[in-house]
Amino acid sequence: MSSSDQNNEIYSKAVRAGKRTYFFDVKSTKSNDLYITLTESKKVVSEDGYENYQKHKIFLYKEDFEKFKEGLEDVLNKIEELRG
């Protein structure tokens, strides 16, 4: 992580889930607006045995928090209903 990344990080939560780890990071812009980065990190082993991590990151900005939360709650509720 670069020093600029560390300077604007407010809070971090790592969630280990099998072969994947999810990072939920709250960060701050230069104007002190908060945003979230969601990172999926997965260990992969190449054919030559070299271990590497694949990372996928999305940025979630404050104007999208509520819609993201509603969408996530909706799909989780649907999964619960379908499992019912």
C-alpha atoms as a PDB file:
ATOM      1  CA  MET A   1       0.000   0.000   0.000  1.00  0.00           C
ATOM      2  CA  SER A   2       1.458   3.382  -0.931  1.00  0.00           C
ATOM      3  CA  SER A   3       1.876   6.090   1.671  1.00  0.00           C
ATOM      4  CA  SER A   4      -0.868   8.160   0.013  1.00  0.00           C
ATOM      5  CA  ASP A   5      -3.266   5.230   0.476  1.00  0.00           C
ATOM      6  CA  GLN A   6      -2.329   4.942   4.138  1.00  0.00           C
ATOM      7  CA  ASN A   7      -2.727   8.674   4.760  1.00  0.00           C
ATOM      8  CA  ASN A   8      -6.390   8.718   3.731  1.00  0.00           C
ATOM      9  CA  GLU A   9      -7.451   5.402   5.304  1.00  0.00           C
ATOM     10  CA  ILE A  10      -9.892   5.868   8.187  1.00  0.00           C
ATOM     11  CA  TYR A  11     -11.027   2.304   8.931  1.00  0.00           C
ATOM     12  CA  SER A  12     -10.430  -1.158   7.511  1.00  0.00           C
ATOM     13  CA  LYS A  13     -12.255  -4.458   7.996  1.00  0.00           C
ATOM     14  CA  ALA A  14     -10.957  -7.728   6.536  1.00  0.00           C
ATOM     15  CA  VAL A  15     -13.369 -10.636   6.083  1.00  0.00           C
ATOM     16  CA  ARG A  16     -11.814 -14.021   5.336  1.00  0.00           C
ATOM     17  CA  ALA A  17     -14.077 -16.327   3.353  1.00  0.00           C
ATOM     18  CA  GLY A  18     -12.478 -19.551   2.144  1.00  0.00           C
ATOM     19  CA  LYS A  19      -9.878 -18.805  -0.540  1.00  0.00           C
ATOM     20  CA  ARG A  20     -10.917 -15.158  -0.681  1.00  0.00           C
ATOM     21  CA  THR A  21     -10.471 -12.197   1.596  1.00  0.00           C
ATOM     22  CA  TYR A  22     -12.706  -9.151   1.315  1.00  0.00           C
ATOM     23  CA  PHE A  23     -11.445  -5.777   2.489  1.00  0.00           C
ATOM     24  CA  PHE A  24     -13.886  -3.012   3.382  1.00  0.00           C
ATOM     25  CA  ASP A  25     -11.918   0.231   3.659  1.00  0.00           C
ATOM     26  CA  VAL A  26     -13.270   3.644   4.604  1.00  0.00           C
ATOM     27  CA  LYS A  27     -11.118   6.391   3.139  1.00  0.00           C
ATOM     28  CA  SER A  28     -11.155  10.154   2.980  1.00  0.00           C
ATOM     29  CA  THR A  29     -10.663  12.474   0.023  1.00  0.00           C
ATOM     30  CA  LYS A  30      -8.537  15.631   0.251  1.00  0.00           C
ATOM     31  CA  SER A  31     -11.774  17.535   0.938  1.00  0.00           C
ATOM     32  CA  ASN A  32     -12.612  15.106   3.793  1.00  0.00           C
ATOM     33  CA  ASP A  33     -15.463  13.328   1.995  1.00  0.00           C
ATOM     34  CA  LEU A  34     -15.671   9.654   2.959  1.00  0.00           C
ATOM     35  CA  TYR A  35     -15.845   6.796   0.474  1.00  0.00           C
ATOM     36  CA  ILE A  36     -15.508   3.019   0.600  1.00  0.00           C
ATOM     37  CA  THR A  37     -13.283   0.680  -1.338  1.00  0.00           C
ATOM     38  CA  LEU A  38     -14.304  -2.984  -1.535  1.00  0.00           C
ATOM     39  CA  THR A  39     -11.455  -5.285  -2.486  1.00  0.00           C
ATOM     40  CA  GLU A  40     -11.617  -9.004  -3.206  1.00  0.00           C
ATOM     41  CA  SER A  41      -8.250 -10.719  -2.858  1.00  0.00           C
ATOM     42  CA  LYS A  42      -7.839 -14.337  -3.973  1.00  0.00           C
ATOM     43  CA  LYS A  43      -4.723 -16.484  -3.811  1.00  0.00           C
ATOM     44  CA  VAL A  44      -3.906 -18.207  -7.094  1.00  0.00           C
ATOM     45  CA  VAL A  45      -1.129 -20.657  -7.838  1.00  0.00           C
ATOM     46  CA  SER A  46       0.378 -20.668 -11.312  1.00  0.00           C
ATOM     47  CA  GLU A  47       1.408 -23.847 -13.149  1.00  0.00           C
ATOM     48  CA  ASP A  48       5.013 -23.349 -11.986  1.00  0.00           C
ATOM     49  CA  GLY A  49       3.865 -23.247  -8.342  1.00  0.00           C
ATOM     50  CA  TYR A  50       4.302 -19.495  -7.887  1.00  0.00           C
ATOM     51  CA  GLU A  51       1.694 -18.020  -5.524  1.00  0.00           C
ATOM     52  CA  ASN A  52       0.087 -14.731  -6.443  1.00  0.00           C
ATOM     53  CA  TYR A  53      -2.929 -12.701  -5.382  1.00  0.00           C
ATOM     54  CA  GLN A  54      -5.598 -11.494  -7.769  1.00  0.00           C
ATOM     55  CA  LYS A  55      -7.300  -8.341  -6.566  1.00  0.00           C
ATOM     56  CA  HIS A  56     -10.483  -6.692  -7.748  1.00  0.00           C
ATOM     57  CA  LYS A  57     -11.494  -3.333  -6.337  1.00  0.00           C
ATOM     58  CA  ILE A  58     -14.575  -1.147  -6.558  1.00  0.00           C
ATOM     59  CA  PHE A  59     -15.029   2.361  -5.237  1.00  0.00           C
ATOM     60  CA  LEU A  60     -18.281   3.356  -3.585  1.00  0.00           C
ATOM     61  CA  TYR A  61     -18.912   7.077  -3.151  1.00  0.00           C
ATOM     62  CA  LYS A  62     -21.166   8.730  -0.560  1.00  0.00           C
ATOM     63  CA  GLU A  63     -23.868   9.644  -3.068  1.00  0.00           C
ATOM     64  CA  ASP A  64     -24.265   5.928  -3.843  1.00  0.00           C
ATOM     65  CA  PHE A  65     -24.199   4.479  -0.285  1.00  0.00           C
ATOM     66  CA  GLU A  66     -27.975   4.281   0.168  1.00  0.00           C
ATOM     67  CA  LYS A  67     -28.703   2.802  -3.273  1.00  0.00           C
ATOM     68  CA  PHE A  68     -25.887   0.255  -2.841  1.00  0.00           C
ATOM     69  CA  LYS A  69     -27.234  -0.724   0.598  1.00  0.00           C
ATOM     70  CA  GLU A  70     -30.780  -1.062  -0.772  1.00  0.00           C
ATOM     71  CA  GLY A  71     -29.577  -3.188  -3.686  1.00  0.00           C
ATOM     72  CA  LEU A  72     -27.510  -5.464  -1.445  1.00  0.00           C
ATOM     73  CA  GLU A  73     -30.362  -5.881   1.053  1.00  0.00           C
ATOM     74  CA  ASP A  74     -32.758  -6.646  -1.801  1.00  0.00           C
ATOM     75  CA  VAL A  75     -30.654  -9.435  -3.287  1.00  0.00           C
ATOM     76  CA  LEU A  76     -29.843 -10.923   0.130  1.00  0.00           C
ATOM     77  CA  ASN A  77     -33.561 -10.950   1.003  1.00  0.00           C
ATOM     78  CA  LYS A  78     -34.344 -12.603  -2.363  1.00  0.00           C
ATOM     79  CA  ILE A  79     -31.740 -15.306  -1.717  1.00  0.00           C
ATOM     80  CA  GLU A  80     -33.254 -15.950   1.713  1.00  0.00           C
ATOM     81  CA  GLU A  81     -36.738 -16.143   0.135  1.00  0.00           C
ATOM     82  CA  LEU A  82     -35.568 -18.536  -2.598  1.00  0.00           C
ATOM     83  CA  ARG A  83     -33.866 -20.807  -0.051  1.00  0.00           C
ATOM     84  CA  GLY A  84     -37.044 -20.734   2.095  1.00  0.00           C
END
